[in-house]
Protein backbone atom coordinates (compact mmCIF):
# COMPACT_ATOMS: atom_id res chain seq x y z
CA UNK A 1 93.73 46.16 9.43
CA UNK A 2 90.07 46.24 8.88
CA UNK A 3 88.08 44.69 11.87
CA UNK A 4 84.78 43.17 12.44
CA UNK A 5 82.66 44.05 15.13
CA UNK A 6 80.61 41.34 15.09
CA UNK A 7 83.61 38.75 15.11
CA UNK A 8 85.12 40.78 18.31
CA UNK A 9 81.74 41.16 20.38
CA UNK A 10 81.22 37.08 19.90
CA UNK A 11 85.20 37.01 20.94
CA UNK A 12 84.57 39.12 23.93
CA UNK A 13 81.32 37.16 24.58
CA UNK A 14 82.74 33.36 24.47
CA UNK A 15 86.38 34.68 26.45
CA UNK A 16 83.77 35.66 29.45
CA UNK A 17 81.96 33.08 29.41
CA UNK A 18 85.57 30.89 29.68
CA UNK A 19 86.95 32.84 32.00
CA UNK A 20 83.43 32.13 34.84
CA UNK A 21 84.41 28.34 34.20
CA UNK A 22 88.48 29.11 34.35
CA UNK A 23 88.62 27.89 31.00
CA UNK A 24 87.97 24.42 31.57
CA UNK A 25 86.24 23.22 28.50
CA UNK A 26 84.79 20.45 29.79
CA UNK A 27 83.06 22.75 32.23
CA UNK A 28 82.14 24.82 29.45
CA UNK A 29 80.42 22.16 27.31
CA UNK A 30 78.49 20.53 30.54
CA UNK A 31 77.46 24.59 30.58
CA UNK A 32 76.38 24.76 27.32
CA UNK A 33 74.17 21.50 26.98
CA UNK A 34 72.58 22.92 30.28
CA UNK A 35 71.38 26.20 28.67
CA UNK A 36 70.70 23.62 25.53
CA UNK A 37 68.68 21.65 27.53
CA UNK A 38 66.90 24.45 29.39
CA UNK A 39 66.16 26.75 26.36
CA UNK A 40 63.27 27.16 24.54
CA UNK A 41 65.21 27.12 20.80
CA UNK A 42 64.09 23.99 18.58
CA UNK A 43 66.97 21.64 17.76
CA UNK A 44 67.51 20.16 14.46
CA UNK A 45 69.61 16.83 14.36
CA UNK A 46 70.36 15.26 11.00
CA UNK A 47 70.77 11.34 10.30
CA UNK A 48 74.43 11.23 9.57
CA UNK A 49 75.89 11.34 5.75
CA UNK A 50 77.18 8.37 4.95
CA UNK A 51 80.68 8.07 3.54
CA UNK A 52 81.89 6.99 0.20
CA UNK A 53 85.11 5.59 -0.94
CA UNK A 54 87.35 8.12 -2.32
CA UNK A 55 87.33 6.05 -5.28
CA UNK A 56 83.95 6.24 -5.94
CA UNK A 57 83.40 9.70 -5.01
CA UNK A 58 85.80 10.71 -7.57
CA UNK A 59 84.61 8.71 -10.29
CA UNK A 60 80.97 9.86 -9.41
CA UNK A 61 82.00 13.66 -9.52
CA UNK A 62 84.19 13.18 -12.23
CA UNK A 63 83.44 9.70 -14.49
CA UNK A 64 85.33 11.17 -17.25
CA UNK A 65 88.76 10.73 -15.01
CA UNK A 66 88.24 7.28 -13.96
CA UNK A 67 89.98 4.78 -16.85
CA UNK A 68 87.61 1.53 -17.79
CA UNK A 69 89.30 -2.15 -17.17
CA UNK A 70 89.21 -3.77 -20.28
CA UNK A 71 88.58 -7.21 -19.21
CA UNK A 72 91.37 -10.14 -20.31
CA UNK A 73 90.81 -12.07 -23.32
């Protein structure tokens, strides 16, 4: 089976990092947030997207599928 060397390297780095914190997710998270805080990288944050109701989304994506409702006479 074919192996991706980049994926393997990332997994090894992630595993070594987790070992430093005895695989405690909260400590790993805190360390990553600290690295983010002291790093020189520009962080980008986007505003949350507005969620659409499923029926509204279906209507927008496939208007031909949504039946029209005839008013009662």
